[in-house]
Amino acid sequence: MVDSSRPVGPHLRVLTMSVYGPGNPDWERRHRLVGETIRALDPDVVALQEVPVTSAEVLERLLGLHSHLTHFSRASEDGVCGTLVTRWPHRLITEVDLRISDRSRDTLPWCATVVVEIETPVGPVVVAHHKAELALPVRARTRAAGRPRRQSAGGPHRLP
């Protein structure tokens, strides 16, 4: 009998989640449940927000044996930020600083986008893990990050 919950052939399982860090209620219970859920889902790529990245013990409980991590380069004073975790080694392409207002510079130092490239069973994949300052209108966030670009065989092109 074939397990219908598992894809047949090359595939890529991606999970994104806010862990709702240790500064929030019931952290001890919650982070253990989050870890059990992540391991049960068995994702290949995990983009987490509100993670205490300074604690190797917490990261191991959350992620199990996933060993290829790229944390956002700036964390909050309590060591919380975003992290991108992959089953396979990945290469950091860039990190875009999205701290575009006094509010984000003062209260959310890890407001950024981390972009990595991964060789996977489905081929090379580029993954962007994004933490925007949601208090700003979309237009202001887009201007701050620069106009997005599309990559094609003819080179990069500005999107309309």
C-alpha atoms as a PDB file:
ATOM      1  CA  MET A   1       0.000   0.000   0.000  1.00  0.00           C
ATOM      2  CA  VAL A   2       1.302   3.463  -0.926  1.00  0.00           C
ATOM      3  CA  ASP A   3       1.271   6.251   1.671  1.00  0.00           C
ATOM      4  CA  SER A   4      -0.784   8.963  -0.072  1.00  0.00           C
ATOM      5  CA  SER A   5       0.524  11.669   2.281  1.00  0.00           C
ATOM      6  CA  ARG A   6       4.022  11.293   0.797  1.00  0.00           C
ATOM      7  CA  PRO A   7       4.698  12.594  -2.720  1.00  0.00           C
ATOM      8  CA  VAL A   8       6.055  10.151  -5.280  1.00  0.00           C
ATOM      9  CA  GLY A   9       9.263  11.206  -7.050  1.00  0.00           C
ATOM     10  CA  PRO A  10      11.420  14.256  -6.379  1.00  0.00           C
ATOM     11  CA  HIS A  11       9.739  16.760  -4.091  1.00  0.00           C
ATOM     12  CA  LEU A  12      10.455  19.619  -1.715  1.00  0.00           C
ATOM     13  CA  ARG A  13       8.611  20.158   1.568  1.00  0.00           C
ATOM     14  CA  VAL A  14       8.615  23.745   2.867  1.00  0.00           C
ATOM     15  CA  LEU A  15       7.365  25.039   6.211  1.00  0.00           C
ATOM     16  CA  THR A  16       7.138  28.605   7.451  1.00  0.00           C
ATOM     17  CA  MET A  17       6.052  29.397  10.984  1.00  0.00           C
ATOM     18  CA  SER A  18       6.239  31.976  13.740  1.00  0.00           C
ATOM     19  CA  VAL A  19       7.432  30.221  16.874  1.00  0.00           C
ATOM     20  CA  TYR A  20       5.998  33.072  18.956  1.00  0.00           C
ATOM     21  CA  GLY A  21       9.219  33.397  20.989  1.00  0.00           C
ATOM     22  CA  PRO A  22      10.055  32.865  24.649  1.00  0.00           C
ATOM     23  CA  GLY A  23       8.873  36.342  25.655  1.00  0.00           C
ATOM     24  CA  ASN A  24       5.311  35.124  25.101  1.00  0.00           C
ATOM     25  CA  PRO A  25       3.178  32.989  27.460  1.00  0.00           C
ATOM     26  CA  ASP A  26       3.694  29.247  27.943  1.00  0.00           C
ATOM     27  CA  TRP A  27       7.016  29.054  26.046  1.00  0.00           C
ATOM     28  CA  GLU A  28       8.261  25.846  27.670  1.00  0.00           C
ATOM     29  CA  ARG A  29       5.195  23.883  26.611  1.00  0.00           C
ATOM     30  CA  ARG A  30       4.762  25.613  23.242  1.00  0.00           C
ATOM     31  CA  HIS A  31       8.296  25.208  21.933  1.00  0.00           C
ATOM     32  CA  ARG A  32       8.268  21.481  22.671  1.00  0.00           C
ATOM     33  CA  LEU A  33       4.963  21.100  20.778  1.00  0.00           C
ATOM     34  CA  VAL A  34       6.287  23.198  17.895  1.00  0.00           C
ATOM     35  CA  GLY A  35       9.373  20.977  17.742  1.00  0.00           C
ATOM     36  CA  GLU A  36       7.261  17.814  17.670  1.00  0.00           C
ATOM     37  CA  THR A  37       5.135  19.300  14.875  1.00  0.00           C
ATOM     38  CA  ILE A  38       8.142  20.339  12.783  1.00  0.00           C
ATOM     39  CA  ARG A  39       9.757  16.922  13.108  1.00  0.00           C
ATOM     40  CA  ALA A  40       6.464  15.149  12.278  1.00  0.00           C
ATOM     41  CA  LEU A  41       6.038  17.250   9.128  1.00  0.00           C
ATOM     42  CA  ASP A  42       9.638  16.447   8.122  1.00  0.00           C
ATOM     43  CA  PRO A  43      10.181  19.580   5.992  1.00  0.00           C
ATOM     44  CA  ASP A  44      13.201  20.098   3.749  1.00  0.00           C
ATOM     45  CA  VAL A  45      13.174  23.873   4.186  1.00  0.00           C
ATOM     46  CA  VAL A  46      12.026  25.628   7.371  1.00  0.00           C
ATOM     47  CA  ALA A  47      11.618  29.403   7.697  1.00  0.00           C
ATOM     48  CA  LEU A  48      11.029  30.320  11.347  1.00  0.00           C
ATOM     49  CA  GLN A  49      10.335  33.653  13.005  1.00  0.00           C
ATOM     50  CA  GLU A  50      10.648  34.637  16.666  1.00  0.00           C
ATOM     51  CA  VAL A  51      13.280  31.986  17.382  1.00  0.00           C
ATOM     52  CA  PRO A  52      15.844  32.293  20.195  1.00  0.00           C
ATOM     53  CA  VAL A  53      18.817  31.609  17.905  1.00  0.00           C
ATOM     54  CA  THR A  54      21.392  32.046  20.659  1.00  0.00           C
ATOM     55  CA  SER A  55      20.266  28.779  22.270  1.00  0.00           C
ATOM     56  CA  ALA A  56      21.623  25.689  20.500  1.00  0.00           C
ATOM     57  CA  GLU A  57      19.525  23.552  22.870  1.00  0.00           C
ATOM     58  CA  VAL A  58      16.259  25.234  21.832  1.00  0.00           C
ATOM     59  CA  LEU A  59      17.179  25.044  18.138  1.00  0.00           C
ATOM     60  CA  GLU A  60      17.876  21.324  18.449  1.00  0.00           C
ATOM     61  CA  ARG A  61      14.551  20.739  20.252  1.00  0.00           C
ATOM     62  CA  LEU A  62      12.718  22.688  17.556  1.00  0.00           C
ATOM     63  CA  LEU A  63      14.492  21.312  14.516  1.00  0.00           C
ATOM     64  CA  GLY A  64      15.986  17.948  15.354  1.00  0.00           C
ATOM     65  CA  LEU A  65      18.850  17.070  13.033  1.00  0.00           C
ATOM     66  CA  HIS A  66      18.420  19.839  10.457  1.00  0.00           C
ATOM     67  CA  SER A  67      21.938  21.191  10.510  1.00  0.00           C
ATOM     68  CA  HIS A  68      22.161  23.883   7.846  1.00  0.00           C
ATOM     69  CA  LEU A  69      21.040  27.164   9.396  1.00  0.00           C
ATOM     70  CA  THR A  70      21.275  30.814   8.402  1.00  0.00           C
ATOM     71  CA  HIS A  71      20.059  33.216  11.052  1.00  0.00           C
ATOM     72  CA  PHE A  72      19.141  36.795  10.282  1.00  0.00           C
ATOM     73  CA  SER A  73      22.282  38.826  11.010  1.00  0.00           C
ATOM     74  CA  ARG A  74      20.661  40.979  13.702  1.00  0.00           C
ATOM     75  CA  ALA A  75      18.655  39.640  16.635  1.00  0.00           C
ATOM     76  CA  SER A  76      16.566  41.379  19.281  1.00  0.00           C
ATOM     77  CA  GLU A  77      18.179  42.008  22.670  1.00  0.00           C
ATOM     78  CA  ASP A  78      16.755  38.687  23.903  1.00  0.00           C
ATOM     79  CA  GLY A  79      18.451  36.751  21.058  1.00  0.00           C
ATOM     80  CA  VAL A  80      15.251  36.283  19.042  1.00  0.00           C
ATOM     81  CA  CYS A  81      15.175  36.628  15.256  1.00  0.00           C
ATOM     82  CA  GLY A  82      14.379  34.656  12.130  1.00  0.00           C
ATOM     83  CA  THR A  83      16.265  31.617  10.898  1.00  0.00           C
ATOM     84  CA  LEU A  84      16.240  29.630   7.680  1.00  0.00           C
ATOM     85  CA  VAL A  85      16.982  25.929   8.023  1.00  0.00           C
ATOM     86  CA  THR A  86      17.554  23.446   5.214  1.00  0.00           C
ATOM     87  CA  ARG A  87      18.078  19.711   4.983  1.00  0.00           C
ATOM     88  CA  TRP A  88      20.929  20.251   2.501  1.00  0.00           C
ATOM     89  CA  PRO A  89      23.777  22.768   2.542  1.00  0.00           C
ATOM     90  CA  HIS A  90      22.780  26.151   1.172  1.00  0.00           C
ATOM     91  CA  ARG A  91      24.601  29.239  -0.010  1.00  0.00           C
ATOM     92  CA  LEU A  92      23.678  32.679   1.298  1.00  0.00           C
ATOM     93  CA  ILE A  93      22.992  34.956  -1.673  1.00  0.00           C
ATOM     94  CA  THR A  94      22.117  38.104   0.259  1.00  0.00           C
ATOM     95  CA  GLU A  95      20.375  39.619   3.231  1.00  0.00           C
ATOM     96  CA  VAL A  96      18.271  42.733   2.609  1.00  0.00           C
ATOM     97  CA  ASP A  97      17.925  45.115   5.546  1.00  0.00           C
ATOM     98  CA  LEU A  98      14.270  46.149   5.839  1.00  0.00           C
ATOM     99  CA  ARG A  99      14.652  48.367   8.911  1.00  0.00           C
ATOM    100  CA  ILE A 100      13.253  51.358   7.064  1.00  0.00           C
ATOM    101  CA  SER A 101      11.542  53.268   9.841  1.00  0.00           C
ATOM    102  CA  ASP A 102      12.461  54.446  13.319  1.00  0.00           C
ATOM    103  CA  ARG A 103      10.012  51.876  14.691  1.00  0.00           C
ATOM    104  CA  SER A 104      11.675  48.919  12.981  1.00  0.00           C
ATOM    105  CA  ARG A 105      15.189  50.132  13.773  1.00  0.00           C
ATOM    106  CA  ASP A 106      14.244  50.534  17.447  1.00  0.00           C
ATOM    107  CA  THR A 107      11.957  47.551  18.039  1.00  0.00           C
ATOM    108  CA  LEU A 108      12.572  44.932  15.344  1.00  0.00           C
ATOM    109  CA  PRO A 109      16.274  44.760  14.486  1.00  0.00           C
ATOM    110  CA  TRP A 110      15.820  41.526  12.528  1.00  0.00           C
ATOM    111  CA  CYS A 111      13.440  43.052   9.999  1.00  0.00           C
ATOM    112  CA  ALA A 112      15.088  41.664   6.832  1.00  0.00           C
ATOM    113  CA  THR A 113      14.972  39.185   3.979  1.00  0.00           C
ATOM    114  CA  VAL A 114      17.497  36.343   3.806  1.00  0.00           C
ATOM    115  CA  VAL A 115      17.964  34.745   0.373  1.00  0.00           C
ATOM    116  CA  VAL A 116      19.721  31.397  -0.095  1.00  0.00           C
ATOM    117  CA  GLU A 117      20.284  28.916  -2.915  1.00  0.00           C
ATOM    118  CA  ILE A 118      19.919  25.173  -2.307  1.00  0.00           C
ATOM    119  CA  GLU A 119      20.667  22.145  -4.469  1.00  0.00           C
ATOM    120  CA  THR A 120      17.639  19.878  -3.962  1.00  0.00           C
ATOM    121  CA  PRO A 121      16.237  16.682  -5.521  1.00  0.00           C
ATOM    122  CA  VAL A 122      13.998  18.927  -7.674  1.00  0.00           C
ATOM    123  CA  GLY A 123      16.991  20.997  -8.829  1.00  0.00           C
ATOM    124  CA  PRO A 124      18.463  24.282  -7.637  1.00  0.00           C
ATOM    125  CA  VAL A 125      16.024  26.380  -5.593  1.00  0.00           C
ATOM    126  CA  VAL A 126      16.250  29.969  -4.374  1.00  0.00           C
ATOM    127  CA  VAL A 127      14.445  30.594  -1.075  1.00  0.00           C
ATOM    128  CA  ALA A 128      13.717  33.994   0.473  1.00  0.00           C
ATOM    129  CA  HIS A 129      12.803  34.219   4.161  1.00  0.00           C
ATOM    130  CA  HIS A 130      11.138  37.575   4.714  1.00  0.00           C
ATOM    131  CA  LYS A 131      10.286  39.532   7.860  1.00  0.00           C
ATOM    132  CA  ALA A 132       8.747  42.859   6.955  1.00  0.00           C
ATOM    133  CA  GLU A 133       7.587  45.676   9.177  1.00  0.00           C
ATOM    134  CA  LEU A 134       3.885  45.126   8.713  1.00  0.00           C
ATOM    135  CA  ALA A 135       2.918  48.459  10.240  1.00  0.00           C
ATOM    136  CA  LEU A 136       3.985  50.166   7.005  1.00  0.00           C
ATOM    137  CA  PRO A 137       1.832  50.287   3.884  1.00  0.00           C
ATOM    138  CA  VAL A 138       2.854  47.818   1.167  1.00  0.00           C
ATOM    139  CA  ARG A 139       3.992  50.642  -1.120  1.00  0.00           C
ATOM    140  CA  ALA A 140       6.455  51.955   1.490  1.00  0.00           C
ATOM    141  CA  ARG A 141       7.833  48.450   2.180  1.00  0.00           C
ATOM    142  CA  THR A 142       8.308  47.833  -1.547  1.00  0.00           C
ATOM    143  CA  ARG A 143      10.093  51.155  -2.067  1.00  0.00           C
ATOM    144  CA  ALA A 144      12.391  50.471   0.875  1.00  0.00           C
ATOM    145  CA  ALA A 145      13.405  47.035  -0.342  1.00  0.00           C
ATOM    146  CA  GLY A 146      14.033  48.298  -3.876  1.00  0.00           C
ATOM    147  CA  ARG A 147      11.982  47.319  -6.869  1.00  0.00           C
ATOM    148  CA  PRO A 148      11.854  43.542  -7.219  1.00  0.00           C
ATOM    149  CA  ARG A 149      13.698  41.981 -10.142  1.00  0.00           C
ATOM    150  CA  ARG A 150      12.876  38.991 -12.293  1.00  0.00           C
ATOM    151  CA  GLN A 151      15.761  36.773 -13.429  1.00  0.00           C
ATOM    152  CA  SER A 152      15.496  35.187 -16.855  1.00  0.00           C
ATOM    153  CA  ALA A 153      17.802  33.773 -19.496  1.00  0.00           C
ATOM    154  CA  GLY A 154      18.315  37.325 -20.791  1.00  0.00           C
ATOM    155  CA  GLY A 155      19.409  38.607 -17.377  1.00  0.00           C
ATOM    156  CA  PRO A 156      17.675  40.536 -14.599  1.00  0.00           C
ATOM    157  CA  HIS A 157      14.645  42.653 -15.552  1.00  0.00           C
ATOM    158  CA  ARG A 158      12.727  45.151 -13.484  1.00  0.00           C
ATOM    159  CA  LEU A 159       9.155  44.130 -12.772  1.00  0.00           C
ATOM    160  CA  PRO A 160       6.521  46.676 -13.825  1.00  0.00           C
END
